[in-house]
Amino acid sequence: MNVLVVSCNHHKAGVQLRERLAFSNPEKLQQAYTQWRLVHPDSELVVLSTCNRVEIYAADEQDDAGVSFDDITRFISQFHDVPTDEFVDSVLAQSGVDAVSHLFQVACSIDSMVLGEPQIVNQVKEAYRIAQEHDACGPLTNVLFQHALKVSAQVRTETGLADGRVSIASVAVGDFGKSIFSRFDNKTVLVIGAGEMAEETLTYLQSEGACKIVVANRNRDRAERLASQFRGEAVDYSTLDDWLAKADVIVSTTGASETLISKARFAAARAKSNRHPVFILDLAAPRDFDPATSSVDDNVFLYDIDALEETCNRNRMAREAEVQKAMTIIANQTQTFMQEIYHRATGPVIHRLREHWHDISRGELDRLYRKIPTLDQPQRQAIEATIQRIVNKLLHPPLEALKDEAKAGTPEGLLHAIRRLFLFGEK
């Protein structure tokens, strides 16, 4: 078994690098899966790309015949046209049990910027679904991601990790937004984009009293659906600049592949306003707003994903006890998963090994009978029983060692050695 993950996340990489490596829309994902299969047709793949992380999981049933970390980083480099040396020091590469544990931590939001946030498990589920749609999954990634979703559900049920403000949206509104405005019921909220993050942010804004909500999206139907959900108004995307001037709160969550609002564009919009305080929450990856937008005037308060880090760290400290509970669950489930996987891997090897030795003994017995055709049936039975006892005794040590290693979760080396020693001719 070979499971690898290469991760570029908020722990080691800033938003600028994550933007360059992001698979930011369905078209890019489709291209990525197509290109991967052309080079690695036998390797399973799942791409997880969110605002906080870009992760590639590759898996092969055969531990000695799969892709390498170099294969994955080379693929990332070529796909995004980003030299390897510009990102390789900012990625985390893990394999085997470490890769499995990492995925479980991601799915349980242990690895999230906002500890316990609920979006990530849906993002993991969606990444897995898309990989299935593109025929990129296989036996190993199927059981791996299904198990990850089960672990996430167990952590959410058995710990208080998700209690309180746990999502990016809730922290942004509750901590940043309320540091600028004491109330939201008299504020105009502009939402650019109509996806899941926009919906969640509006949920928190509305709970704080926001009632004048306008939604602008390139797809007018999606804008209208989101606006109606919050008793707001969908506006033509062509009027976006007018609403940039009017809004007190701007939430941007589009999937645009490049900057949507430049400094110059926003400065022009502010020139039409009375330069009232405006709270901008840029939750897109890549970012919708040019970071320089914050310097247009002193009443512009722009926050992006990375700006949440300090608040999220406080969130983590407050939940440290629950983190330990979650990590215990993850450790136990990782061990359980590895044992199951290694049992699957060792079973065929044990079966093949027994067949291999049976074929050898059967061939030698047939040769003996041809040389001594006068042997009667009782004599032949006695010889065959003796041969079988010898085979069983010879097989017992390697098979017991293999079973013990599988229980411990570390049989790769022994599996490889047995294949080389006994099954060197298998294809």
Protein backbone atom coordinates (compact mmCIF):
# COMPACT_ATOMS: atom_id res chain seq x y z
CA MET A 1 0.00 0.00 0.00
CA ASN A 2 1.26 3.41 -0.94
CA VAL A 3 -0.56 6.60 0.16
CA LEU A 4 1.06 9.99 -0.36
CA VAL A 5 -0.10 13.52 0.30
CA VAL A 6 1.53 16.77 -0.73
CA SER A 7 -0.08 19.68 1.10
CA CYS A 8 0.30 23.41 0.67
CA ASN A 9 -1.69 24.92 3.51
CA HIS A 10 -1.98 27.96 5.76
CA HIS A 11 0.57 26.57 8.22
CA LYS A 12 3.53 26.90 5.85
CA ALA A 13 2.34 28.94 2.88
CA GLY A 14 0.82 32.41 2.58
CA VAL A 15 -2.28 33.14 0.59
CA GLN A 16 -0.22 34.40 -2.39
CA LEU A 17 1.37 30.98 -2.91
CA ARG A 18 -1.84 29.09 -2.24
CA GLU A 19 -3.54 31.20 -4.89
CA ARG A 20 -0.90 30.23 -7.48
CA LEU A 21 -1.34 26.53 -6.74
CA ALA A 22 -5.13 26.48 -6.36
CA PHE A 23 -7.45 24.39 -8.52
CA SER A 24 -9.94 27.19 -8.31
CA ASN A 25 -12.75 26.02 -10.58
CA PRO A 26 -14.28 22.83 -12.06
CA GLU A 27 -12.53 23.34 -15.37
CA LYS A 28 -9.10 23.34 -13.73
CA LEU A 29 -9.97 20.22 -11.76
CA GLN A 30 -11.11 18.43 -14.88
CA GLN A 31 -7.89 19.35 -16.65
CA ALA A 32 -5.85 18.21 -13.66
CA TYR A 33 -7.47 14.78 -13.50
CA THR A 34 -7.16 14.33 -17.25
CA GLN A 35 -3.49 15.23 -17.26
CA TRP A 36 -2.75 13.05 -14.24
CA ARG A 37 -4.32 9.97 -15.83
CA LEU A 38 -2.28 10.45 -18.98
CA VAL A 39 0.97 10.24 -16.99
CA HIS A 40 -0.09 7.96 -14.12
CA PRO A 41 -3.02 5.83 -15.38
CA ASP A 42 -2.74 3.26 -12.59
CA SER A 43 -2.47 5.68 -9.67
CA GLU A 44 -5.50 6.90 -7.70
CA LEU A 45 -5.85 10.64 -7.07
CA VAL A 46 -7.94 13.07 -5.02
CA VAL A 47 -7.40 16.84 -5.18
CA LEU A 48 -8.57 18.94 -2.23
CA SER A 49 -8.42 22.67 -3.00
CA THR A 50 -9.92 25.21 -0.57
CA CYS A 51 -9.15 28.72 0.56
CA ASN A 52 -6.77 27.40 3.22
CA ARG A 53 -5.13 24.45 1.48
CA VAL A 54 -4.21 22.73 -1.74
CA GLU A 55 -3.64 19.01 -1.18
CA ILE A 56 -3.03 16.13 -3.57
CA TYR A 57 -3.58 12.59 -2.34
CA ALA A 58 -2.12 9.82 -4.50
CA ALA A 59 -2.51 6.12 -3.77
CA ASP A 60 -1.40 2.79 -5.19
CA GLU A 61 -2.21 -0.71 -3.99
CA GLN A 62 1.40 -1.78 -4.64
CA ASP A 63 3.84 -0.06 -2.32
CA ASP A 64 6.80 -0.62 -4.64
CA ALA A 65 5.22 0.51 -7.90
CA GLY A 66 3.46 3.78 -7.20
CA VAL A 67 4.09 7.45 -7.73
CA SER A 68 6.62 9.40 -5.71
CA PHE A 69 6.65 12.80 -4.06
CA ASP A 70 8.74 14.04 -6.97
CA ASP A 71 6.01 12.88 -9.37
CA ILE A 72 3.40 14.90 -7.49
CA THR A 73 5.46 18.08 -7.15
CA ARG A 74 6.46 17.82 -10.80
CA PHE A 75 2.79 17.55 -11.74
CA ILE A 76 1.90 20.61 -9.63
CA SER A 77 4.75 22.59 -11.14
CA GLN A 78 3.89 21.73 -14.74
CA PHE A 79 0.14 22.17 -14.32
CA HIS A 80 0.38 25.63 -12.74
CA ASP A 81 3.57 26.68 -14.54
CA VAL A 82 5.22 27.40 -11.19
CA PRO A 83 8.88 26.35 -10.77
CA THR A 84 9.26 23.64 -8.16
CA ASP A 85 11.82 25.57 -6.15
CA GLU A 86 9.25 28.35 -5.61
CA PHE A 87 6.93 26.14 -3.56
CA VAL A 88 8.66 22.90 -2.55
CA ASP A 89 9.93 24.35 0.74
CA SER A 90 6.40 25.46 1.62
CA VAL A 91 4.67 22.12 1.21
CA LEU A 92 4.23 19.20 3.57
CA ALA A 93 4.90 15.73 2.16
CA GLN A 94 3.70 12.66 4.06
CA SER A 95 3.24 8.99 3.31
CA GLY A 96 1.64 5.88 4.77
CA VAL A 97 0.25 6.19 8.28
CA ASP A 98 1.25 9.88 8.47
CA ALA A 99 -0.70 10.67 5.29
CA VAL A 100 -3.77 8.83 6.61
CA SER A 101 -3.60 10.62 9.97
CA HIS A 102 -3.22 13.96 8.15
CA LEU A 103 -6.40 13.40 6.12
CA PHE A 104 -8.32 12.43 9.25
CA GLN A 105 -7.12 15.60 10.99
CA VAL A 106 -8.13 17.69 7.99
CA ALA A 107 -11.60 16.12 7.81
CA CYS A 108 -12.08 16.68 11.55
CA SER A 109 -10.96 20.35 11.20
CA ILE A 110 -8.03 19.79 13.56
CA ASP A 111 -5.81 21.17 10.82
CA SER A 112 -8.10 24.10 9.98
CA MET A 113 -7.31 27.74 10.64
CA VAL A 114 -10.56 27.95 12.58
CA LEU A 115 -10.55 24.90 14.78
CA GLY A 116 -13.74 22.88 14.54
CA GLU A 117 -15.12 24.71 11.50
CA PRO A 118 -17.82 22.66 9.77
CA GLN A 119 -17.10 23.51 6.13
CA ILE A 120 -14.03 21.34 5.72
CA VAL A 121 -15.79 18.00 6.03
CA ASN A 122 -18.15 19.02 3.23
CA GLN A 123 -15.15 20.16 1.19
CA VAL A 124 -13.45 16.80 1.73
CA LYS A 125 -16.67 15.03 0.75
CA GLU A 126 -17.00 17.18 -2.37
CA ALA A 127 -13.35 16.63 -3.35
CA TYR A 128 -13.88 12.88 -3.06
CA ARG A 129 -17.11 13.08 -5.10
CA ILE A 130 -15.43 15.03 -7.89
CA ALA A 131 -12.52 12.57 -7.98
CA GLN A 132 -15.05 9.76 -8.36
CA GLU A 133 -16.78 11.63 -11.17
CA HIS A 134 -13.47 11.81 -13.03
CA ASP A 135 -12.73 8.10 -12.46
CA ALA A 136 -9.67 9.03 -10.42
CA CYS A 137 -10.53 6.98 -7.33
CA GLY A 138 -9.89 3.32 -6.70
CA PRO A 139 -10.12 0.74 -3.92
CA LEU A 140 -7.65 2.52 -1.66
CA THR A 141 -8.88 6.11 -1.95
CA ASN A 142 -12.48 4.89 -1.67
CA VAL A 143 -11.96 3.25 1.71
CA LEU A 144 -9.60 6.04 2.84
CA PHE A 145 -12.00 8.92 2.22
CA GLN A 146 -15.05 7.01 3.42
CA HIS A 147 -13.22 6.26 6.66
CA ALA A 148 -12.16 9.92 6.97
CA LEU A 149 -15.80 11.03 6.81
CA LYS A 150 -16.74 8.49 9.50
CA VAL A 151 -13.93 9.73 11.77
CA SER A 152 -15.12 13.31 11.29
CA ALA A 153 -18.64 12.35 12.36
CA GLN A 154 -17.30 10.56 15.44
CA VAL A 155 -15.18 13.55 16.51
CA ARG A 156 -18.09 15.91 16.05
CA THR A 157 -20.36 13.66 18.13
CA GLU A 158 -17.96 12.74 20.94
CA THR A 159 -16.11 16.04 21.48
CA GLY A 160 -16.96 19.70 21.93
CA LEU A 161 -14.58 20.72 19.19
CA ALA A 162 -17.29 22.52 17.23
CA ASP A 163 -18.83 24.40 20.15
CA GLY A 164 -18.94 28.19 19.92
CA ARG A 165 -17.57 30.19 17.00
CA VAL A 166 -15.95 27.64 14.81
CA SER A 167 -16.34 28.78 11.22
CA ILE A 168 -14.43 31.38 9.29
CA ALA A 169 -17.66 33.27 8.77
CA SER A 170 -18.63 33.30 12.45
CA VAL A 171 -15.20 34.42 13.59
CA ALA A 172 -15.02 37.08 10.90
CA VAL A 173 -18.41 38.55 11.75
CA GLY A 174 -18.25 38.06 15.51
CA ASP A 175 -14.71 39.30 16.04
CA PHE A 176 -13.70 41.52 13.15
CA GLY A 177 -17.07 42.84 12.07
CA LYS A 178 -18.20 43.75 15.57
CA SER A 179 -14.95 45.55 16.24
CA ILE A 180 -15.93 48.00 13.48
CA PHE A 181 -19.71 48.21 13.86
CA SER A 182 -21.68 47.98 17.09
CA ARG A 183 -24.81 47.07 15.15
CA PHE A 184 -25.70 45.70 11.70
CA ASP A 185 -29.41 46.37 11.47
CA ASN A 186 -28.77 49.78 9.88
CA LYS A 187 -26.04 48.57 7.49
CA THR A 188 -26.18 47.68 3.82
CA VAL A 189 -24.58 44.30 3.16
CA LEU A 190 -23.25 43.51 -0.32
CA VAL A 191 -22.46 39.88 -1.07
CA ILE A 192 -20.40 39.13 -4.20
CA GLY A 193 -20.80 35.47 -5.08
CA ALA A 194 -23.55 33.02 -4.20
CA GLY A 195 -21.84 29.89 -2.95
CA GLU A 196 -21.74 28.03 0.37
CA MET A 197 -19.40 30.50 2.08
CA ALA A 198 -21.62 33.44 1.08
CA GLU A 199 -24.63 31.65 2.51
CA GLU A 200 -22.93 30.88 5.80
CA THR A 201 -21.62 34.43 6.22
CA LEU A 202 -25.08 35.85 5.60
CA THR A 203 -26.44 33.49 8.26
CA TYR A 204 -24.18 35.06 10.86
CA LEU A 205 -24.73 38.61 9.63
CA GLN A 206 -28.47 38.14 9.77
CA SER A 207 -28.20 36.72 13.29
CA GLU A 208 -26.47 39.99 14.22
CA GLY A 209 -29.38 41.99 12.83
CA ALA A 210 -28.43 42.63 9.21
CA CYS A 211 -31.59 43.13 7.17
CA LYS A 212 -30.64 45.12 4.05
CA ILE A 213 -28.87 42.53 1.91
CA VAL A 214 -28.01 42.70 -1.77
CA VAL A 215 -26.42 39.87 -3.75
CA ALA A 216 -24.43 40.30 -6.96
CA ASN A 217 -23.35 37.28 -8.95
CA ARG A 218 -22.52 36.61 -12.60
CA ASN A 219 -25.21 33.95 -12.57
CA ARG A 220 -28.38 35.92 -11.88
CA ASP A 221 -30.45 32.83 -10.99
CA ARG A 222 -28.04 31.83 -8.21
CA ALA A 223 -28.02 35.42 -6.91
CA GLU A 224 -31.81 35.45 -6.74
CA ARG A 225 -31.96 32.12 -4.92
CA LEU A 226 -29.49 33.27 -2.27
CA ALA A 227 -31.13 36.69 -1.90
CA SER A 228 -34.60 35.20 -1.45
CA GLN A 229 -33.27 32.87 1.24
CA PHE A 230 -32.30 35.90 3.33
CA ARG A 231 -35.12 38.21 2.25
CA GLY A 232 -32.59 40.25 0.31
CA GLU A 233 -32.35 41.65 -3.21
CA ALA A 234 -30.49 40.28 -6.21
CA VAL A 235 -28.91 43.03 -8.29
CA ASP A 236 -27.46 43.06 -11.78
CA TYR A 237 -23.78 42.25 -11.82
CA SER A 238 -23.28 45.26 -14.07
CA THR A 239 -24.24 47.54 -11.14
CA LEU A 240 -21.53 46.12 -8.87
CA ASP A 241 -19.49 49.36 -8.82
CA ASP A 242 -22.54 51.33 -7.66
CA TRP A 243 -23.07 48.93 -4.76
CA LEU A 244 -19.37 49.00 -3.86
CA ALA A 245 -19.93 52.69 -3.14
CA LYS A 246 -23.13 52.18 -1.14
CA ALA A 247 -22.32 49.12 0.97
CA ASP A 248 -21.22 49.22 4.61
CA VAL A 249 -20.30 45.53 4.66
CA ILE A 250 -18.88 43.69 1.64
CA VAL A 251 -18.49 39.92 1.60
CA SER A 252 -16.73 38.50 -1.44
CA THR A 253 -16.61 34.74 -2.03
CA THR A 254 -16.38 34.23 -5.79
CA GLY A 255 -14.43 31.52 -7.59
CA ALA A 256 -12.72 34.00 -9.92
CA SER A 257 -9.27 32.93 -11.03
CA GLU A 258 -7.84 36.48 -10.80
CA THR A 259 -8.36 39.71 -8.88
CA LEU A 260 -11.93 40.98 -9.22
CA ILE A 261 -11.65 44.40 -7.52
CA SER A 262 -8.47 46.37 -8.16
CA LYS A 263 -7.36 49.29 -5.99
CA ALA A 264 -8.18 51.72 -8.79
CA ARG A 265 -11.66 50.26 -9.29
CA PHE A 266 -12.48 50.46 -5.61
CA ALA A 267 -11.01 53.97 -5.31
CA ALA A 268 -13.33 55.09 -8.10
CA ALA A 269 -16.30 53.59 -6.23
CA ARG A 270 -15.28 55.27 -2.96
CA ALA A 271 -15.06 58.60 -4.75
CA LYS A 272 -18.83 58.33 -5.32
CA SER A 273 -19.49 57.70 -1.61
CA ASN A 274 -19.22 59.78 1.54
CA ARG A 275 -16.26 57.57 2.53
CA HIS A 276 -18.21 55.97 5.35
CA PRO A 277 -16.59 53.04 7.18
CA VAL A 278 -16.70 49.86 5.13
CA PHE A 279 -15.93 46.36 6.38
CA ILE A 280 -14.65 44.11 3.57
CA LEU A 281 -14.39 40.39 4.15
CA ASP A 282 -12.54 38.73 1.28
CA LEU A 283 -13.07 34.99 1.73
CA ALA A 284 -12.16 34.00 -1.81
CA ALA A 285 -9.13 32.01 -2.91
CA PRO A 286 -7.65 33.45 -5.01
CA ARG A 287 -8.53 36.77 -3.36
CA ASP A 288 -11.19 38.92 -5.02
CA PHE A 289 -9.83 42.22 -3.68
CA ASP A 290 -6.37 43.60 -4.38
CA PRO A 291 -4.70 43.84 -0.92
CA ALA A 292 -3.76 47.43 -1.78
CA THR A 293 -7.48 48.26 -1.62
CA SER A 294 -7.12 48.68 2.14
CA SER A 295 -5.05 51.81 1.60
CA VAL A 296 -7.68 53.67 -0.45
CA ASP A 297 -8.70 55.63 2.68
CA ASP A 298 -8.67 55.30 6.46
CA ASN A 299 -12.24 54.02 6.63
CA VAL A 300 -11.57 50.90 4.56
CA PHE A 301 -11.16 47.77 6.70
CA LEU A 302 -10.14 44.82 4.53
CA TYR A 303 -9.66 41.31 5.91
CA ASP A 304 -8.71 38.17 3.99
CA ILE A 305 -8.35 34.53 5.02
CA ASP A 306 -4.87 34.94 6.45
CA ALA A 307 -5.96 37.89 8.56
CA LEU A 308 -8.06 35.46 10.62
CA GLU A 309 -5.01 33.56 11.85
CA GLU A 310 -4.56 35.31 15.20
CA THR A 311 -8.20 34.94 16.12
CA CYS A 312 -8.13 31.33 15.04
CA ASN A 313 -5.13 30.65 17.25
CA ARG A 314 -7.09 31.94 20.24
CA ASN A 315 -9.91 29.68 19.15
CA ARG A 316 -7.53 26.73 19.19
CA MET A 317 -6.18 27.52 22.66
CA ALA A 318 -9.68 27.65 24.11
CA ARG A 319 -10.43 24.22 22.68
CA GLU A 320 -7.16 22.51 23.60
CA ALA A 321 -8.82 19.90 25.82
CA GLU A 322 -11.24 18.97 23.05
CA VAL A 323 -8.34 18.80 20.61
CA GLN A 324 -6.70 16.13 22.75
CA LYS A 325 -9.92 14.10 22.78
CA ALA A 326 -10.17 14.42 19.01
CA MET A 327 -6.53 13.46 18.50
CA THR A 328 -7.03 10.32 20.59
CA ILE A 329 -9.97 9.32 18.38
CA ILE A 330 -7.95 10.07 15.24
CA ALA A 331 -4.96 8.04 16.49
CA ASN A 332 -7.16 5.04 17.30
CA GLN A 333 -9.03 5.24 14.01
CA THR A 334 -5.79 5.63 12.06
CA GLN A 335 -4.48 2.44 13.66
CA THR A 336 -7.74 0.63 12.92
CA PHE A 337 -7.69 1.78 9.31
CA MET A 338 -4.07 0.75 8.77
CA GLN A 339 -4.72 -2.69 10.23
CA GLU A 340 -7.70 -3.16 7.91
CA ILE A 341 -5.71 -2.04 4.89
CA TYR A 342 -2.74 -4.21 5.72
CA HIS A 343 -5.02 -7.17 6.29
CA ARG A 344 -6.31 -6.61 2.77
CA ALA A 345 -2.75 -6.44 1.50
CA THR A 346 -1.43 -9.47 3.39
CA GLY A 347 -4.37 -11.78 2.62
CA PRO A 348 -3.62 -12.17 -1.11
CA VAL A 349 0.11 -12.57 -0.39
CA ILE A 350 -0.54 -15.34 2.13
CA HIS A 351 -2.89 -17.06 -0.30
CA ARG A 352 -0.43 -16.73 -3.17
CA LEU A 353 2.42 -17.99 -1.01
CA ARG A 354 0.48 -21.11 -0.03
CA GLU A 355 -0.42 -21.74 -3.67
CA HIS A 356 3.20 -21.25 -4.71
CA TRP A 357 4.49 -23.85 -2.26
CA HIS A 358 1.63 -26.23 -3.04
CA ASP A 359 2.47 -26.07 -6.75
CA ILE A 360 6.13 -26.81 -6.00
CA SER A 361 5.36 -29.77 -3.72
CA ARG A 362 2.78 -31.12 -6.18
CA GLY A 363 5.30 -30.97 -9.01
CA GLU A 364 7.96 -32.77 -6.96
CA LEU A 365 5.51 -35.48 -5.88
CA ASP A 366 4.46 -36.08 -9.48
CA ARG A 367 8.11 -36.40 -10.43
CA LEU A 368 8.68 -38.89 -7.57
CA TYR A 369 5.67 -41.01 -8.60
CA ARG A 370 6.94 -41.22 -12.15
CA LYS A 371 10.29 -42.46 -10.91
CA ILE A 372 8.76 -44.95 -8.45
CA PRO A 373 5.48 -46.05 -10.05
CA THR A 374 5.21 -49.05 -7.74
CA LEU A 375 4.26 -46.97 -4.71
CA ASP A 376 0.83 -48.00 -3.45
CA GLN A 377 -1.85 -45.59 -2.26
CA PRO A 378 -1.06 -45.77 1.52
CA GLN A 379 2.61 -45.09 0.76
CA ARG A 380 1.74 -42.13 -1.41
CA GLN A 381 -0.58 -40.74 1.28
CA ALA A 382 2.15 -41.03 3.88
CA ILE A 383 4.66 -39.23 1.64
CA GLU A 384 2.17 -36.44 0.84
CA ALA A 385 1.35 -35.97 4.54
CA THR A 386 5.07 -35.70 5.32
CA ILE A 387 5.60 -33.15 2.55
CA GLN A 388 2.62 -31.11 3.74
CA ARG A 389 3.98 -31.05 7.31
CA ILE A 390 7.35 -29.84 6.01
CA VAL A 391 5.67 -27.10 3.92
CA ASN A 392 3.53 -25.98 6.87
CA LYS A 393 6.55 -25.78 9.17
CA LEU A 394 8.54 -23.82 6.60
CA LEU A 395 5.65 -21.44 5.94
CA HIS A 396 4.72 -20.91 9.59
CA PRO A 397 7.48 -18.39 10.55
CA PRO A 398 7.03 -15.97 7.61
CA LEU A 399 3.22 -16.15 7.77
CA GLU A 400 3.07 -15.56 11.52
CA ALA A 401 5.56 -12.70 11.20
CA LEU A 402 3.44 -11.20 8.43
CA LYS A 403 0.27 -11.46 10.53
CA ASP A 404 2.00 -9.85 13.53
CA GLU A 405 3.36 -7.00 11.39
CA ALA A 406 -0.10 -6.40 9.91
CA LYS A 407 -1.58 -6.15 13.42
CA ALA A 408 1.11 -3.62 14.30
CA GLY A 409 0.36 -1.70 11.12
CA THR A 410 3.84 -1.91 9.57
CA PRO A 411 4.10 -4.86 7.15
CA GLU A 412 5.33 -3.04 4.02
CA GLY A 413 8.96 -4.09 4.35
CA LEU A 414 8.10 -7.70 5.17
CA LEU A 415 5.58 -7.88 2.34
CA HIS A 416 8.20 -6.64 -0.07
CA ALA A 417 10.76 -9.12 1.24
CA ILE A 418 8.35 -12.08 0.96
CA ARG A 419 7.47 -11.12 -2.59
CA ARG A 420 11.13 -10.98 -3.49
CA LEU A 421 12.01 -14.22 -1.68
CA PHE A 422 9.09 -16.41 -2.67
CA LEU A 423 7.06 -14.75 -5.38
CA PHE A 424 9.77 -13.29 -7.54
CA GLY A 425 8.15 -14.63 -10.66
CA GLU A 426 4.68 -13.15 -10.16
CA LYS A 427 3.44 -10.40 -12.45
